[in-house]
Protein backbone atom coordinates (compact mmCIF):
# COMPACT_ATOMS: atom_id res chain seq x y z
CA MET A 1 70.59 -12.16 171.30
CA GLN A 2 73.03 -12.54 168.40
CA MET A 3 74.47 -9.04 168.74
CA GLN A 4 77.05 -10.05 171.32
CA MET A 5 78.34 -12.98 169.24
CA ILE A 6 79.41 -10.94 166.23
CA GLY A 7 83.07 -10.97 165.19
CA THR A 8 84.48 -8.57 167.72
CA GLY A 9 86.93 -6.15 166.17
CA ALA A 10 86.03 -6.77 162.55
CA LEU A 11 82.43 -5.61 162.75
CA ARG A 12 83.35 -2.81 165.14
CA ALA A 13 85.92 -1.61 162.60
CA LEU A 14 83.34 -1.88 159.84
CA VAL A 15 80.77 0.12 161.81
CA VAL A 16 83.23 2.76 163.00
CA ALA A 17 84.71 3.06 159.51
CA ALA A 18 81.21 3.50 158.13
CA ALA A 19 80.53 6.19 160.69
CA MET A 20 83.73 8.00 159.78
CA ILE A 21 83.26 7.71 156.02
CA PHE A 22 79.56 8.54 156.21
CA ALA A 23 80.43 11.82 157.90
CA GLY A 24 82.98 12.65 155.24
CA SER A 25 86.12 12.04 157.28
CA ALA A 26 89.14 10.52 155.60
CA VAL A 27 90.53 8.78 158.68
CA ALA A 28 89.32 5.30 157.68
CA GLN A 29 89.60 5.52 153.90
CA MET A 30 93.24 4.46 153.49
CA GLU A 31 92.39 0.78 153.97
CA GLN A 32 90.84 0.79 150.52
CA GLN A 33 93.75 2.50 148.76
CA PRO A 34 96.12 0.38 146.67
CA GLN A 35 99.56 -0.06 148.19
CA GLY A 36 102.82 1.05 146.66
CA GLN A 37 101.63 3.55 144.07
CA GLU A 38 103.44 6.85 143.60
CA GLY A 39 106.00 6.40 146.38
CA GLY A 40 106.03 9.99 147.68
CA PRO A 41 102.35 10.88 148.01
CA GLN A 42 101.39 7.29 148.88
CA MET A 43 103.98 7.20 151.65
CA GLU A 44 102.81 10.57 152.95
CA LEU A 45 99.20 9.36 152.97
CA GLN A 46 100.22 6.28 154.94
CA GLN A 47 102.11 8.38 157.47
CA ILE A 48 99.19 10.77 157.95
CA GLN A 49 96.75 7.88 158.18
CA GLN A 50 98.96 6.20 160.79
CA ARG A 51 99.15 9.38 162.84
CA LEU A 52 95.39 9.91 162.65
CA ALA A 53 94.78 6.29 163.65
CA GLU A 54 97.06 6.77 166.67
CA VAL A 55 95.26 9.97 167.65
CA GLN A 56 91.90 8.24 167.25
CA GLU A 57 93.05 5.28 169.35
CA ALA A 58 94.34 7.60 172.09
CA ALA A 59 91.08 9.57 172.03
CA LEU A 60 89.07 6.39 172.49
CA GLU A 61 91.36 5.03 175.22
CA ASN A 62 91.31 8.29 177.16
CA ASN A 63 87.53 8.72 176.89
CA PRO A 64 85.67 5.65 178.20
CA GLY A 65 82.36 7.38 177.48
CA LEU A 66 83.38 7.55 173.84
CA GLU A 67 84.08 3.82 173.78
CA GLN A 68 80.62 3.21 175.24
CA GLN A 69 79.10 5.54 172.64
CA ARG A 70 80.92 3.61 169.90
CA ASP A 71 79.64 0.30 171.29
CA GLU A 72 76.07 1.63 171.44
CA LEU A 73 76.37 2.85 167.84
CA GLU A 74 77.65 -0.57 166.80
CA GLU A 75 74.70 -2.28 168.50
CA LEU A 76 72.25 0.16 166.94
CA VAL A 77 73.66 -0.41 163.45
CA ILE A 78 73.54 -4.18 163.93
CA ARG A 79 69.95 -3.98 165.19
CA LYS A 80 68.94 -1.89 162.17
CA MET A 81 70.68 -4.35 159.84
CA GLU A 82 68.75 -7.21 161.42
CA GLU A 83 65.46 -5.26 161.32
CA ALA A 84 66.04 -4.78 157.58
CA GLY A 85 66.33 -8.55 157.16
CA TYR A 86 70.11 -8.91 157.02
CA ASP A 87 72.19 -11.30 159.11
CA PRO A 88 75.48 -9.52 159.87
CA ASP A 89 76.54 -12.28 162.27
CA ALA A 90 76.40 -14.92 159.53
CA SER A 91 78.24 -12.65 157.09
CA MET A 92 81.01 -11.95 159.61
CA GLN A 93 81.32 -15.65 160.44
CA THR A 94 81.68 -16.39 156.72
CA LEU A 95 84.40 -13.76 156.34
CA GLU A 96 86.28 -14.97 159.42
CA SER A 97 85.99 -18.59 158.31
CA VAL A 98 87.26 -17.85 154.81
CA GLN A 99 90.14 -15.82 156.22
CA ALA A 100 91.16 -18.71 158.46
CA ASP A 101 90.65 -21.36 155.78
CA MET A 102 92.69 -19.45 153.18
CA GLN A 103 95.79 -20.11 155.32
CA ASP A 104 95.61 -23.77 154.30
CA GLU A 105 98.31 -24.19 151.65
CA SER A 106 96.83 -27.49 150.44
CA LEU A 107 93.77 -25.77 148.94
CA SER A 108 93.35 -26.03 145.20
CA ASP A 109 92.96 -22.92 143.08
CA GLU A 110 89.33 -23.89 142.51
CA GLU A 111 88.69 -24.13 146.28
CA ARG A 112 90.37 -20.78 146.85
CA GLN A 113 88.29 -19.20 144.10
CA GLN A 114 85.09 -20.58 145.63
CA MET A 115 86.09 -19.27 149.06
CA LEU A 116 86.87 -15.85 147.63
CA GLN A 117 83.46 -15.82 145.94
CA GLU A 118 81.79 -16.65 149.29
CA ALA A 119 83.78 -13.90 150.99
CA GLN A 120 82.84 -11.37 148.30
CA GLU A 121 79.15 -12.25 148.67
CA ALA A 122 79.34 -11.94 152.46
CA GLN A 123 81.16 -8.61 152.14
CA GLN A 124 78.56 -7.36 149.67
CA ASP A 125 75.75 -8.40 152.03
CA LEU A 126 77.43 -6.52 154.87
CA GLN A 127 77.90 -3.43 152.72
CA GLU A 128 74.26 -3.48 151.61
CA ALA A 129 73.10 -3.95 155.20
CA GLN A 130 75.39 -1.15 156.30
CA GLN A 131 74.04 1.22 153.64
CA VAL A 132 70.48 0.48 154.71
CA ALA A 133 71.32 0.98 158.39
CA MET A 134 73.24 4.20 157.75
CA GLN A 135 70.18 5.73 156.09
CA ASP A 136 68.08 5.24 159.23
CA ASP A 137 67.43 8.56 161.00
CA GLU A 138 68.24 7.14 164.43
CA VAL A 139 71.57 5.79 163.16
CA VAL A 140 72.39 9.03 161.35
CA GLU A 141 71.79 11.00 164.54
CA ALA A 142 73.81 8.61 166.74
CA GLN A 143 76.59 8.43 164.16
CA GLN A 144 76.81 12.22 163.90
CA ALA A 145 76.95 12.57 167.68
CA PHE A 146 79.71 9.95 167.86
CA GLN A 147 81.60 11.61 165.00
CA ASP A 148 81.39 15.02 166.66
CA ASP A 149 82.47 13.68 170.04
CA LEU A 150 85.29 11.62 168.51
CA MET A 151 86.61 14.60 166.55
CA GLU A 152 86.48 16.78 169.67
CA ALA A 153 88.43 14.14 171.62
CA MET A 154 90.93 13.77 168.76
CA ARG A 155 91.46 17.54 168.73
CA GLU A 156 92.16 17.42 172.47
CA GLU A 157 94.73 14.67 171.87
CA ASP A 158 96.33 16.45 168.91
CA PRO A 159 95.39 20.03 168.02
CA GLU A 160 96.63 19.41 164.46
CA THR A 161 93.89 16.82 163.76
CA ASP A 162 91.87 19.06 161.42
CA GLU A 163 94.97 20.06 159.47
CA LEU A 164 96.04 16.42 159.16
CA ILE A 165 92.62 15.42 157.82
CA GLU A 166 92.62 18.31 155.34
CA GLU A 167 96.14 17.43 154.18
CA PHE A 168 95.16 13.76 153.85
CA GLN A 169 92.09 14.61 151.78
CA GLN A 170 94.04 17.01 149.55
CA ILE A 171 96.79 14.50 148.79
CA GLN A 172 94.22 11.79 148.20
CA GLN A 173 92.25 14.05 145.87
CA ASP A 174 95.42 15.01 143.98
CA MET A 175 96.37 11.35 143.58
CA GLN A 176 92.90 10.36 142.39
CA GLY A 177 92.92 13.19 139.89
CA GLY A 178 96.26 12.03 138.53
CA MET A 179 95.37 8.33 138.41
CA GLY A 180 91.84 8.47 137.04
CA GLY A 181 92.81 9.54 133.56
CA GLN A 182 93.28 13.19 132.78
CA GLN A 183 89.73 14.47 133.05
CA GLY A 184 89.94 18.04 131.93
CA GLY A 185 93.26 19.05 133.43
CA GLU A 186 95.87 18.46 136.05
CA MET A 187 94.52 20.67 138.82
CA ALA A 188 91.76 19.32 141.03
CA PRO A 189 88.89 21.75 141.56
CA GLN A 190 88.50 23.12 145.09
């Protein structure tokens, strides 16, 4: 079956990130934040995100059952993507190929633009497939169980996990409120 051939860490990161974001956790959201804006809060977000990533990594390393649960969730999501008619393996291969090919300095701007377009289409296909899979009841249940178990393991690794996530979300919300044009005031509702 194709499931075992999929781009190892990249798809796993995509699936785990989807599981974390889907449940409302901020642990995986920093990857999408622009770099270098508002030195202070941005730096603080990066530090918190780094600490949470380290806690998450330790929780996974110290709980082999959690790694197995993550792998099973990944396989379930991939299966649901395929059942919905998507080909996550092909999309990941496209992304990996473009990433490798973009290192070639002899590429013309036109070739780079075409590669970026291919990568964007593959990424969009993966995101659509992911959204479909994450709406499946079986995936939602497995994802919630993984999320709960992961958070419990993270709390065992670092009792400040919940406070770190709350602080991360608050800073992120404050930054988004300040960057998105003043929509009704300076204070974010909460």
